[in-house]
């Protein structure tokens, strides 16, 4: 089972964390299943960018981003070459290190 290392984030994971999740799980689902309440305003339907993460290690082990995801990522705050929507990034067998950006473009933040 791959391990996801989450770098510290003031709101969602102040101390950072290491979690495990089965291959085939999205990064977003893995975070939520482990009580790291990353924003996901569209309920993981690939309609927003609130679950944007930057993959610091293990990027190439993830499934490839499709054109629709890449188009959405163009609107994400703090976009980097290794950015992904965590709801679309599916775990393989390799460990990951992810960073949740400081800001999100969620105009109607809810308590998910």
PDB file of N, CA and C in Angstrom:
ATOM      1  N   UNK A   1       0.851  -1.175   0.000  1.00  0.00           N
ATOM      2  CA  UNK A   1       0.000   0.000   0.000  1.00  0.00           C
ATOM      3  C   UNK A   1       0.900   1.242   0.000  1.00  0.00           C
ATOM      4  N   UNK A   2       0.701   2.153  -0.964  1.00  0.00           N
ATOM      5  CA  UNK A   2       1.546   3.347  -1.007  1.00  0.00           C
ATOM      6  C   UNK A   2       1.310   4.273   0.188  1.00  0.00           C
ATOM      7  N   UNK A   3       2.356   4.993   0.543  1.00  0.00           N
ATOM      8  CA  UNK A   3       2.293   5.982   1.618  1.00  0.00           C
ATOM      9  C   UNK A   3       2.296   7.365   0.991  1.00  0.00           C
ATOM     10  N   UNK A   4       1.432   8.227   1.501  1.00  0.00           N
ATOM     11  CA  UNK A   4       1.383   9.620   1.059  1.00  0.00           C
ATOM     12  C   UNK A   4       1.894  10.473   2.205  1.00  0.00           C
ATOM     13  N   UNK A   5       2.959  11.203   1.942  1.00  0.00           N
ATOM     14  CA  UNK A   5       3.471  12.162   2.909  1.00  0.00           C
ATOM     15  C   UNK A   5       2.867  13.511   2.556  1.00  0.00           C
ATOM     16  N   UNK A   6       2.179  14.114   3.522  1.00  0.00           N
ATOM     17  CA  UNK A   6       1.565  15.424   3.311  1.00  0.00           C
ATOM     18  C   UNK A   6       2.429  16.449   4.044  1.00  0.00           C
ATOM     19  N   UNK A   7       2.918  17.414   3.310  1.00  0.00           N
ATOM     20  CA  UNK A   7       3.727  18.471   3.916  1.00  0.00           C
ATOM     21  C   UNK A   7       2.837  19.357   4.778  1.00  0.00           C
ATOM     22  N   UNK A   8       3.379  19.988   5.806  1.00  0.00           N
ATOM     23  CA  UNK A   8       2.563  20.809   6.699  1.00  0.00           C
ATOM     24  C   UNK A   8       1.770  21.889   5.957  1.00  0.00           C
ATOM     25  N   UNK A   9       0.535  22.052   6.371  1.00  0.00           N
ATOM     26  CA  UNK A   9      -0.371  23.098   5.858  1.00  0.00           C
ATOM     27  C   UNK A   9      -1.079  23.677   7.073  1.00  0.00           C
ATOM     28  N   UNK A  10      -1.040  24.975   7.240  1.00  0.00           N
ATOM     29  CA  UNK A  10      -1.541  25.631   8.449  1.00  0.00           C
ATOM     30  C   UNK A  10      -2.965  25.228   8.815  1.00  0.00           C
ATOM     31  N   UNK A  11      -3.833  25.069   7.837  1.00  0.00           N
ATOM     32  CA  UNK A  11      -5.242  24.781   8.122  1.00  0.00           C
ATOM     33  C   UNK A  11      -5.569  23.292   8.127  1.00  0.00           C
ATOM     34  N   UNK A  12      -5.108  22.556   7.142  1.00  0.00           N
ATOM     35  CA  UNK A  12      -5.554  21.175   6.961  1.00  0.00           C
ATOM     36  C   UNK A  12      -4.691  20.138   7.656  1.00  0.00           C
ATOM     37  N   UNK A  13      -3.418  20.451   7.851  1.00  0.00           N
ATOM     38  CA  UNK A  13      -2.493  19.444   8.366  1.00  0.00           C
ATOM     39  C   UNK A  13      -1.277  20.155   8.971  1.00  0.00           C
ATOM     40  N   UNK A  14      -1.465  20.870  10.094  1.00  0.00           N
ATOM     41  CA  UNK A  14      -0.406  21.730  10.620  1.00  0.00           C
ATOM     42  C   UNK A  14       0.929  21.027  10.891  1.00  0.00           C
ATOM     43  N   UNK A  15       0.894  19.793  11.285  1.00  0.00           N
ATOM     44  CA  UNK A  15       2.116  19.062  11.610  1.00  0.00           C
ATOM     45  C   UNK A  15       2.635  18.228  10.439  1.00  0.00           C
ATOM     46  N   UNK A  16       1.900  18.222   9.329  1.00  0.00           N
ATOM     47  CA  UNK A  16       2.213  17.293   8.262  1.00  0.00           C
ATOM     48  C   UNK A  16       1.696  15.918   8.672  1.00  0.00           C
ATOM     49  N   UNK A  17       1.768  14.958   7.766  1.00  0.00           N
ATOM     50  CA  UNK A  17       1.264  13.617   8.091  1.00  0.00           C
ATOM     51  C   UNK A  17       1.804  12.612   7.092  1.00  0.00           C
ATOM     52  N   UNK A  18       1.730  11.362   7.476  1.00  0.00           N
ATOM     53  CA  UNK A  18       1.976  10.246   6.574  1.00  0.00           C
ATOM     54  C   UNK A  18       0.802   9.296   6.703  1.00  0.00           C
ATOM     55  N   UNK A  19       0.191   9.005   5.573  1.00  0.00           N
ATOM     56  CA  UNK A  19      -0.978   8.120   5.552  1.00  0.00           C
ATOM     57  C   UNK A  19      -0.750   7.048   4.500  1.00  0.00           C
ATOM     58  N   UNK A  20      -1.507   5.987   4.572  1.00  0.00           N
ATOM     59  CA  UNK A  20      -1.441   4.969   3.526  1.00  0.00           C
ATOM     60  C   UNK A  20      -2.838   4.784   2.948  1.00  0.00           C
ATOM     61  N   UNK A  21      -2.868   4.365   1.702  1.00  0.00           N
ATOM     62  CA  UNK A  21      -4.141   4.146   1.006  1.00  0.00           C
ATOM     63  C   UNK A  21      -3.903   3.111  -0.083  1.00  0.00           C
ATOM     64  N   UNK A  22      -4.918   2.360  -0.422  1.00  0.00           N
ATOM     65  CA  UNK A  22      -4.734   1.348  -1.468  1.00  0.00           C
ATOM     66  C   UNK A  22      -4.529   1.968  -2.844  1.00  0.00           C
ATOM     67  N   UNK A  23      -3.722   1.308  -3.656  1.00  0.00           N
ATOM     68  CA  UNK A  23      -3.582   1.709  -5.059  1.00  0.00           C
ATOM     69  C   UNK A  23      -4.972   1.732  -5.678  1.00  0.00           C
ATOM     70  N   UNK A  24      -5.198   2.682  -6.581  1.00  0.00           N
ATOM     71  CA  UNK A  24      -6.510   2.834  -7.208  1.00  0.00           C
ATOM     72  C   UNK A  24      -7.386   3.866  -6.524  1.00  0.00           C
ATOM     73  N   UNK A  25      -6.933   4.379  -5.390  1.00  0.00           N
ATOM     74  CA  UNK A  25      -7.652   5.411  -4.649  1.00  0.00           C
ATOM     75  C   UNK A  25      -7.161   6.773  -5.126  1.00  0.00           C
ATOM     76  N   UNK A  26      -8.061   7.752  -5.180  1.00  0.00           N
ATOM     77  CA  UNK A  26      -7.609   9.101  -5.521  1.00  0.00           C
ATOM     78  C   UNK A  26      -6.907   9.708  -4.308  1.00  0.00           C
ATOM     79  N   UNK A  27      -6.005  10.633  -4.573  1.00  0.00           N
ATOM     80  CA  UNK A  27      -5.310  11.320  -3.488  1.00  0.00           C
ATOM     81  C   UNK A  27      -6.329  12.026  -2.598  1.00  0.00           C
ATOM     82  N   UNK A  28      -7.340  12.643  -3.177  1.00  0.00           N
ATOM     83  CA  UNK A  28      -8.372  13.341  -2.405  1.00  0.00           C
ATOM     84  C   UNK A  28      -9.090  12.378  -1.460  1.00  0.00           C
ATOM     85  N   UNK A  29      -9.513  11.235  -1.965  1.00  0.00           N
ATOM     86  CA  UNK A  29     -10.193  10.249  -1.125  1.00  0.00           C
ATOM     87  C   UNK A  29      -9.290   9.788   0.013  1.00  0.00           C
ATOM     88  N   UNK A  30      -8.021   9.569  -0.294  1.00  0.00           N
ATOM     89  CA  UNK A  30      -7.082   9.129   0.744  1.00  0.00           C
ATOM     90  C   UNK A  30      -6.949  10.178   1.839  1.00  0.00           C
ATOM     91  N   UNK A  31      -6.835  11.439   1.452  1.00  0.00           N
ATOM     92  CA  UNK A  31      -6.733  12.503   2.445  1.00  0.00           C
ATOM     93  C   UNK A  31      -7.991  12.568   3.302  1.00  0.00           C
ATOM     94  N   UNK A  32      -9.143  12.583   2.666  1.00  0.00           N
ATOM     95  CA  UNK A  32     -10.402  12.677   3.401  1.00  0.00           C
ATOM     96  C   UNK A  32     -10.612  11.472   4.314  1.00  0.00           C
ATOM     97  N   UNK A  33     -10.265  10.288   3.844  1.00  0.00           N
ATOM     98  CA  UNK A  33     -10.410   9.068   4.658  1.00  0.00           C
ATOM     99  C   UNK A  33      -9.534   9.107   5.900  1.00  0.00           C
ATOM    100  N   UNK A  34      -8.501   9.947   5.864  1.00  0.00           N
ATOM    101  CA  UNK A  34      -7.582  10.059   6.991  1.00  0.00           C
ATOM    102  C   UNK A  34      -7.735  11.380   7.737  1.00  0.00           C
ATOM    103  N   UNK A  35      -8.913  11.963   7.645  1.00  0.00           N
ATOM    104  CA  UNK A  35      -9.292  13.164   8.394  1.00  0.00           C
ATOM    105  C   UNK A  35      -8.470  14.403   8.042  1.00  0.00           C
ATOM    106  N   UNK A  36      -7.942  14.438   6.819  1.00  0.00           N
ATOM    107  CA  UNK A  36      -7.299  15.649   6.298  1.00  0.00           C
ATOM    108  C   UNK A  36      -8.323  16.249   5.342  1.00  0.00           C
ATOM    109  N   UNK A  37      -9.052  17.231   5.837  1.00  0.00           N
ATOM    110  CA  UNK A  37     -10.245  17.736   5.157  1.00  0.00           C
ATOM    111  C   UNK A  37      -9.942  18.766   4.086  1.00  0.00           C
ATOM    112  N   UNK A  38      -9.228  18.316   3.055  1.00  0.00           N
ATOM    113  CA  UNK A  38      -8.917  19.170   1.921  1.00  0.00           C
ATOM    114  C   UNK A  38     -10.232  19.630   1.275  1.00  0.00           C
ATOM    115  N   UNK A  39     -10.226  20.852   0.761  1.00  0.00           N
ATOM    116  CA  UNK A  39     -11.426  21.339   0.071  1.00  0.00           C
ATOM    117  C   UNK A  39     -11.697  20.489  -1.167  1.00  0.00           C
ATOM    118  N   UNK A  40     -12.966  20.314  -1.442  1.00  0.00           N
ATOM    119  CA  UNK A  40     -13.400  19.581  -2.637  1.00  0.00           C
ATOM    120  C   UNK A  40     -14.820  20.037  -2.960  1.00  0.00           C
ATOM    121  N   UNK A  41     -14.920  21.308  -3.335  1.00  0.00           N
ATOM    122  CA  UNK A  41     -16.209  21.981  -3.479  1.00  0.00           C
ATOM    123  C   UNK A  41     -17.148  21.307  -4.475  1.00  0.00           C
ATOM    124  N   UNK A  42     -16.609  20.648  -5.482  1.00  0.00           N
ATOM    125  CA  UNK A  42     -17.468  20.021  -6.489  1.00  0.00           C
ATOM    126  C   UNK A  42     -17.733  18.545  -6.172  1.00  0.00           C
ATOM    127  N   UNK A  43     -17.383  18.134  -4.950  1.00  0.00           N
ATOM    128  CA  UNK A  43     -17.554  16.737  -4.531  1.00  0.00           C
ATOM    129  C   UNK A  43     -16.848  15.763  -5.458  1.00  0.00           C
ATOM    130  N   UNK A  44     -15.654  16.133  -5.864  1.00  0.00           N
ATOM    131  CA  UNK A  44     -14.765  15.287  -6.665  1.00  0.00           C
ATOM    132  C   UNK A  44     -15.318  14.953  -8.047  1.00  0.00           C
ATOM    133  N   UNK A  45     -16.043  15.896  -8.637  1.00  0.00           N
ATOM    134  CA  UNK A  45     -16.619  15.667  -9.971  1.00  0.00           C
ATOM    135  C   UNK A  45     -15.815  16.342 -11.085  1.00  0.00           C
ATOM    136  N   UNK A  46     -14.612  16.817 -10.766  1.00  0.00           N
ATOM    137  CA  UNK A  46     -13.732  17.468 -11.731  1.00  0.00           C
ATOM    138  C   UNK A  46     -14.395  18.713 -12.337  1.00  0.00           C
ATOM    139  N   UNK A  47     -14.917  19.555 -11.443  1.00  0.00           N
ATOM    140  CA  UNK A  47     -15.573  20.772 -11.911  1.00  0.00           C
ATOM    141  C   UNK A  47     -14.995  22.037 -11.277  1.00  0.00           C
ATOM    142  N   UNK A  48     -13.981  21.890 -10.425  1.00  0.00           N
ATOM    143  CA  UNK A  48     -13.383  23.062  -9.789  1.00  0.00           C
ATOM    144  C   UNK A  48     -11.897  22.776  -9.575  1.00  0.00           C
ATOM    145  N   UNK A  49     -11.229  23.627  -8.829  1.00  0.00           N
ATOM    146  CA  UNK A  49      -9.804  23.412  -8.558  1.00  0.00           C
ATOM    147  C   UNK A  49      -9.498  23.424  -7.065  1.00  0.00           C
ATOM    148  N   UNK A  50     -10.495  23.295  -6.229  1.00  0.00           N
ATOM    149  CA  UNK A  50     -10.276  23.448  -4.789  1.00  0.00           C
ATOM    150  C   UNK A  50      -9.454  22.326  -4.172  1.00  0.00           C
ATOM    151  N   UNK A  51      -9.336  21.188  -4.830  1.00  0.00           N
ATOM    152  CA  UNK A  51      -8.550  20.072  -4.284  1.00  0.00           C
ATOM    153  C   UNK A  51      -7.154  20.010  -4.895  1.00  0.00           C
ATOM    154  N   UNK A  52      -6.719  21.077  -5.495  1.00  0.00           N
ATOM    155  CA  UNK A  52      -5.406  21.165  -6.139  1.00  0.00           C
ATOM    156  C   UNK A  52      -4.297  20.820  -5.143  1.00  0.00           C
ATOM    157  N   UNK A  53      -3.386  19.956  -5.561  1.00  0.00           N
ATOM    158  CA  UNK A  53      -2.183  19.646  -4.790  1.00  0.00           C
ATOM    159  C   UNK A  53      -0.974  19.720  -5.722  1.00  0.00           C
ATOM    160  N   UNK A  54       0.183  19.872  -5.121  1.00  0.00           N
ATOM    161  CA  UNK A  54       1.443  19.830  -5.863  1.00  0.00           C
ATOM    162  C   UNK A  54       2.153  18.555  -5.430  1.00  0.00           C
ATOM    163  N   UNK A  55       2.471  17.711  -6.381  1.00  0.00           N
ATOM    164  CA  UNK A  55       3.116  16.436  -6.085  1.00  0.00           C
ATOM    165  C   UNK A  55       4.626  16.666  -6.090  1.00  0.00           C
ATOM    166  N   UNK A  56       5.229  16.614  -4.917  1.00  0.00           N
ATOM    167  CA  UNK A  56       6.655  16.887  -4.766  1.00  0.00           C
ATOM    168  C   UNK A  56       7.511  15.652  -5.044  1.00  0.00           C
ATOM    169  N   UNK A  57       6.973  14.455  -4.815  1.00  0.00           N
ATOM    170  CA  UNK A  57       7.671  13.212  -5.146  1.00  0.00           C
ATOM    171  C   UNK A  57       6.642  12.181  -5.580  1.00  0.00           C
ATOM    172  N   UNK A  58       6.993  11.394  -6.593  1.00  0.00           N
ATOM    173  CA  UNK A  58       6.122  10.321  -7.055  1.00  0.00           C
ATOM    174  C   UNK A  58       5.161  10.714  -8.162  1.00  0.00           C
ATOM    175  N   UNK A  59       5.319  11.903  -8.718  1.00  0.00           N
ATOM    176  CA  UNK A  59       4.395  12.412  -9.745  1.00  0.00           C
ATOM    177  C   UNK A  59       4.209  11.420 -10.903  1.00  0.00           C
ATOM    178  N   UNK A  60       5.299  10.847 -11.386  1.00  0.00           N
ATOM    179  CA  UNK A  60       5.220   9.975 -12.561  1.00  0.00           C
ATOM    180  C   UNK A  60       4.514   8.648 -12.301  1.00  0.00           C
ATOM    181  N   UNK A  61       4.284   8.315 -11.041  1.00  0.00           N
ATOM    182  CA  UNK A  61       3.573   7.074 -10.744  1.00  0.00           C
ATOM    183  C   UNK A  61       2.057   7.234 -10.871  1.00  0.00           C
ATOM    184  N   UNK A  62       1.573   8.465 -10.880  1.00  0.00           N
ATOM    185  CA  UNK A  62       0.136   8.723 -10.974  1.00  0.00           C
ATOM    186  C   UNK A  62      -0.361   8.525 -12.403  1.00  0.00           C
ATOM    187  N   UNK A  63      -1.658   8.295 -12.534  1.00  0.00           N
ATOM    188  CA  UNK A  63      -2.260   8.264 -13.861  1.00  0.00           C
ATOM    189  C   UNK A  63      -2.022   9.606 -14.552  1.00  0.00           C
ATOM    190  N   UNK A  64      -2.060   9.624 -15.849  1.00  0.00           N
ATOM    191  CA  UNK A  64      -1.823  10.856 -16.601  1.00  0.00           C
ATOM    192  C   UNK A  64      -3.046  11.769 -16.527  1.00  0.00           C
ATOM    193  N   UNK A  65      -2.813  13.060 -16.369  1.00  0.00           N
ATOM    194  CA  UNK A  65      -3.905  14.040 -16.363  1.00  0.00           C
ATOM    195  C   UNK A  65      -4.485  14.147 -17.764  1.00  0.00           C
ATOM    196  N   UNK A  66      -5.812  14.178 -17.855  1.00  0.00           N
ATOM    197  CA  UNK A  66      -6.424  14.348 -19.172  1.00  0.00           C
ATOM    198  C   UNK A  66      -6.581  15.839 -19.479  1.00  0.00           C
ATOM    199  N   UNK A  67      -7.024  16.139 -20.666  1.00  0.00           N
ATOM    200  CA  UNK A  67      -7.115  17.526 -21.131  1.00  0.00           C
ATOM    201  C   UNK A  67      -8.058  18.363 -20.267  1.00  0.00           C
ATOM    202  N   UNK A  68      -9.168  17.784 -19.834  1.00  0.00           N
ATOM    203  CA  UNK A  68     -10.120  18.529 -19.009  1.00  0.00           C
ATOM    204  C   UNK A  68      -9.496  18.918 -17.663  1.00  0.00           C
ATOM    205  N   UNK A  69      -8.767  17.992 -17.049  1.00  0.00           N
ATOM    206  CA  UNK A  69      -8.080  18.315 -15.795  1.00  0.00           C
ATOM    207  C   UNK A  69      -7.038  19.402 -16.021  1.00  0.00           C
ATOM    208  N   UNK A  70      -6.270  19.285 -17.082  1.00  0.00           N
ATOM    209  CA  UNK A  70      -5.246  20.291 -17.370  1.00  0.00           C
ATOM    210  C   UNK A  70      -5.856  21.660 -17.602  1.00  0.00           C
ATOM    211  N   UNK A  71      -7.013  21.706 -18.270  1.00  0.00           N
ATOM    212  CA  UNK A  71      -7.698  22.984 -18.487  1.00  0.00           C
ATOM    213  C   UNK A  71      -8.138  23.602 -17.163  1.00  0.00           C
ATOM    214  N   UNK A  72      -8.662  22.779 -16.262  1.00  0.00           N
ATOM    215  CA  UNK A  72      -9.067  23.282 -14.950  1.00  0.00           C
ATOM    216  C   UNK A  72      -7.862  23.760 -14.154  1.00  0.00           C
ATOM    217  N   UNK A  73      -6.779  23.007 -14.205  1.00  0.00           N
ATOM    218  CA  UNK A  73      -5.586  23.386 -13.453  1.00  0.00           C
ATOM    219  C   UNK A  73      -5.053  24.751 -13.863  1.00  0.00           C
ATOM    220  N   UNK A  74      -5.300  25.158 -15.095  1.00  0.00           N
ATOM    221  CA  UNK A  74      -4.861  26.476 -15.541  1.00  0.00           C
ATOM    222  C   UNK A  74      -5.457  27.588 -14.682  1.00  0.00           C
ATOM    223  N   UNK A  75      -6.541  27.296 -13.972  1.00  0.00           N
ATOM    224  CA  UNK A  75      -7.204  28.291 -13.127  1.00  0.00           C
ATOM    225  C   UNK A  75      -6.818  28.170 -11.653  1.00  0.00           C
ATOM    226  N   UNK A  76      -6.013  27.188 -11.306  1.00  0.00           N
ATOM    227  CA  UNK A  76      -5.659  26.946  -9.904  1.00  0.00           C
ATOM    228  C   UNK A  76      -4.651  27.967  -9.401  1.00  0.00           C
ATOM    229  N   UNK A  77      -4.768  28.338  -8.130  1.00  0.00           N
ATOM    230  CA  UNK A  77      -3.823  29.244  -7.512  1.00  0.00           C
ATOM    231  C   UNK A  77      -2.514  28.493  -7.278  1.00  0.00           C
ATOM    232  N   UNK A  78      -1.395  29.114  -7.621  1.00  0.00           N
ATOM    233  CA  UNK A  78      -0.092  28.528  -7.349  1.00  0.00           C
ATOM    234  C   UNK A  78       0.260  27.351  -8.233  1.00  0.00           C
ATOM    235  N   UNK A  79      -0.244  27.333  -9.450  1.00  0.00           N
ATOM    236  CA  UNK A  79      -0.001  26.231 -10.379  1.00  0.00           C
ATOM    237  C   UNK A  79       1.491  26.002 -10.598  1.00  0.00           C
ATOM    238  N   UNK A  80       1.896  24.742 -10.565  1.00  0.00           N
ATOM    239  CA  UNK A  80       3.273  24.343 -10.834  1.00  0.00           C
ATOM    240  C   UNK A  80       3.245  23.181 -11.821  1.00  0.00           C
ATOM    241  N   UNK A  81       4.387  22.861 -12.446  1.00  0.00           N
ATOM    242  CA  UNK A  81       4.396  21.766 -13.425  1.00  0.00           C
ATOM    243  C   UNK A  81       3.914  20.422 -12.863  1.00  0.00           C
ATOM    244  N   UNK A  82       4.064  20.208 -11.554  1.00  0.00           N
ATOM    245  CA  UNK A  82       3.632  18.947 -10.976  1.00  0.00           C
ATOM    246  C   UNK A  82       2.330  19.091 -10.178  1.00  0.00           C
ATOM    247  N   UNK A  83       1.489  20.028 -10.595  1.00  0.00           N
ATOM    248  CA  UNK A  83       0.177  20.202  -9.983  1.00  0.00           C
ATOM    249  C   UNK A  83      -0.801  19.162 -10.510  1.00  0.00           C
ATOM    250  N   UNK A  84      -1.695  18.737  -9.637  1.00  0.00           N
ATOM    251  CA  UNK A  84      -2.784  17.821 -10.017  1.00  0.00           C
ATOM    252  C   UNK A  84      -4.020  18.182  -9.213  1.00  0.00           C
ATOM    253  N   UNK A  85      -5.178  17.843  -9.753  1.00  0.00           N
ATOM    254  CA  UNK A  85      -6.397  17.855  -8.957  1.00  0.00           C
ATOM    255  C   UNK A  85      -6.367  16.552  -8.175  1.00  0.00           C
ATOM    256  N   UNK A  86      -6.407  16.638  -6.859  1.00  0.00           N
ATOM    257  CA  UNK A  86      -6.253  15.412  -6.063  1.00  0.00           C
ATOM    258  C   UNK A  86      -7.396  14.433  -6.286  1.00  0.00           C
ATOM    259  N   UNK A  87      -8.548  14.930  -6.736  1.00  0.00           N
ATOM    260  CA  UNK A  87      -9.672  14.028  -7.012  1.00  0.00           C
ATOM    261  C   UNK A  87      -9.459  13.204  -8.274  1.00  0.00           C
ATOM    262  N   UNK A  88      -8.518  13.609  -9.112  1.00  0.00           N
ATOM    263  CA  UNK A  88      -8.255  12.914 -10.368  1.00  0.00           C
ATOM    264  C   UNK A  88      -6.930  12.160 -10.360  1.00  0.00           C
ATOM    265  N   UNK A  89      -6.089  12.411  -9.368  1.00  0.00           N
ATOM    266  CA  UNK A  89      -4.780  11.765  -9.264  1.00  0.00           C
ATOM    267  C   UNK A  89      -4.955  10.422  -8.558  1.00  0.00           C
ATOM    268  N   UNK A  90      -4.777   9.343  -9.297  1.00  0.00           N
ATOM    269  CA  UNK A  90      -5.017   8.000  -8.779  1.00  0.00           C
ATOM    270  C   UNK A  90      -3.695   7.351  -8.378  1.00  0.00           C
ATOM    271  N   UNK A  91      -3.674   6.837  -7.144  1.00  0.00           N
ATOM    272  CA  UNK A  91      -2.474   6.202  -6.612  1.00  0.00           C
ATOM    273  C   UNK A  91      -2.136   4.921  -7.340  1.00  0.00           C
ATOM    274  N   UNK A  92      -0.840   4.720  -7.555  1.00  0.00           N
ATOM    275  CA  UNK A  92      -0.320   3.437  -8.032  1.00  0.00           C
ATOM    276  C   UNK A  92       0.356   2.789  -6.823  1.00  0.00           C
ATOM    277  N   UNK A  93       1.490   2.140  -7.023  1.00  0.00           N
ATOM    278  CA  UNK A  93       2.179   1.475  -5.914  1.00  0.00           C
ATOM    279  C   UNK A  93       3.280   2.321  -5.293  1.00  0.00           C
ATOM    280  N   UNK A  94       3.631   3.444  -5.912  1.00  0.00           N
ATOM    281  CA  UNK A  94       4.747   4.261  -5.440  1.00  0.00           C
ATOM    282  C   UNK A  94       4.291   5.257  -4.377  1.00  0.00           C
ATOM    283  N   UNK A  95       5.154   5.530  -3.423  1.00  0.00           N
ATOM    284  CA  UNK A  95       4.872   6.529  -2.401  1.00  0.00           C
ATOM    285  C   UNK A  95       4.870   7.929  -3.021  1.00  0.00           C
ATOM    286  N   UNK A  96       4.118   8.827  -2.386  1.00  0.00           N
ATOM    287  CA  UNK A  96       4.004  10.209  -2.852  1.00  0.00           C
ATOM    288  C   UNK A  96       4.341  11.179  -1.734  1.00  0.00           C
ATOM    289  N   UNK A  97       4.769  12.364  -2.118  1.00  0.00           N
ATOM    290  CA  UNK A  97       4.833  13.505  -1.207  1.00  0.00           C
ATOM    291  C   UNK A  97       4.012  14.595  -1.872  1.00  0.00           C
ATOM    292  N   UNK A  98       3.036  15.137  -1.136  1.00  0.00           N
ATOM    293  CA  UNK A  98       2.180  16.183  -1.697  1.00  0.00           C
ATOM    294  C   UNK A  98       2.177  17.408  -0.800  1.00  0.00           C
ATOM    295  N   UNK A  99       1.969  18.528  -1.453  1.00  0.00           N
ATOM    296  CA  UNK A  99       1.821  19.801  -0.762  1.00  0.00           C
ATOM    297  C   UNK A  99       0.464  20.369  -1.135  1.00  0.00           C
ATOM    298  N   UNK A 100      -0.285  20.778  -0.134  1.00  0.00           N
ATOM    299  CA  UNK A 100      -1.558  21.452  -0.370  1.00  0.00           C
ATOM    300  C   UNK A 100      -1.239  22.946  -0.437  1.00  0.00           C
ATOM    301  N   UNK A 101      -1.556  23.612  -1.552  1.00  0.00           N
ATOM    302  CA  UNK A 101      -1.229  25.037  -1.660  1.00  0.00           C
ATOM    303  C   UNK A 101      -1.876  25.860  -0.547  1.00  0.00           C
ATOM    304  N   UNK A 102      -1.257  26.969  -0.262  1.00  0.00           N
ATOM    305  CA  UNK A 102      -1.725  27.843   0.823  1.00  0.00           C
ATOM    306  C   UNK A 102      -3.122  28.383   0.560  1.00  0.00           C
ATOM    307  N   UNK A 103      -3.431  28.655  -0.696  1.00  0.00           N
ATOM    308  CA  UNK A 103      -4.721  29.254  -1.037  1.00  0.00           C
ATOM    309  C   UNK A 103      -5.475  28.387  -2.030  1.00  0.00           C
ATOM    310  N   UNK A 104      -6.769  28.603  -2.072  1.00  0.00           N
ATOM    311  CA  UNK A 104      -7.645  27.922  -3.019  1.00  0.00           C
ATOM    312  C   UNK A 104      -8.578  28.960  -3.620  1.00  0.00           C
ATOM    313  N   UNK A 105      -9.023  28.724  -4.828  1.00  0.00           N
ATOM    314  CA  UNK A 105      -9.961  29.647  -5.478  1.00  0.00           C
ATOM    315  C   UNK A 105     -11.401  29.209  -5.239  1.00  0.00           C
ATOM    316  N   UNK A 106     -11.738  28.981  -3.991  1.00  0.00           N
ATOM    317  CA  UNK A 106     -13.094  28.583  -3.634  1.00  0.00           C
ATOM    318  C   UNK A 106     -13.854  29.827  -3.184  1.00  0.00           C
ATOM    319  N   UNK A 107     -14.796  30.238  -4.005  1.00  0.00           N
ATOM    320  CA  UNK A 107     -15.557  31.451  -3.707  1.00  0.00           C
ATOM    321  C   UNK A 107     -16.720  31.197  -2.740  1.00  0.00           C
ATOM    322  N   UNK A 108     -17.001  29.954  -2.458  1.00  0.00           N
ATOM    323  CA  UNK A 108     -18.098  29.609  -1.560  1.00  0.00           C
ATOM    324  C   UNK A 108     -17.665  28.462  -0.663  1.00  0.00           C
ATOM    325  N   UNK A 109     -16.664  28.701   0.149  1.00  0.00           N
ATOM    326  CA  UNK A 109     -16.102  27.643   0.992  1.00  0.00           C
ATOM    327  C   UNK A 109     -17.152  27.106   1.958  1.00  0.00           C
ATOM    328  N   UNK A 110     -17.215  25.798   2.012  1.00  0.00           N
ATOM    329  CA  UNK A 110     -18.145  25.119   2.905  1.00  0.00           C
ATOM    330  C   UNK A 110     -17.357  24.209   3.834  1.00  0.00           C
ATOM    331  N   UNK A 111     -17.966  23.795   4.899  1.00  0.00           N
ATOM    332  CA  UNK A 111     -17.317  22.862   5.825  1.00  0.00           C
ATOM    333  C   UNK A 111     -17.636  21.443   5.415  1.00  0.00           C
ATOM    334  N   UNK A 112     -16.799  20.854   4.576  1.00  0.00           N
ATOM    335  CA  UNK A 112     -17.009  19.468   4.133  1.00  0.00           C
ATOM    336  C   UNK A 112     -16.518  18.524   5.173  1.00  0.00           C
TER     337      UNK A 112
END
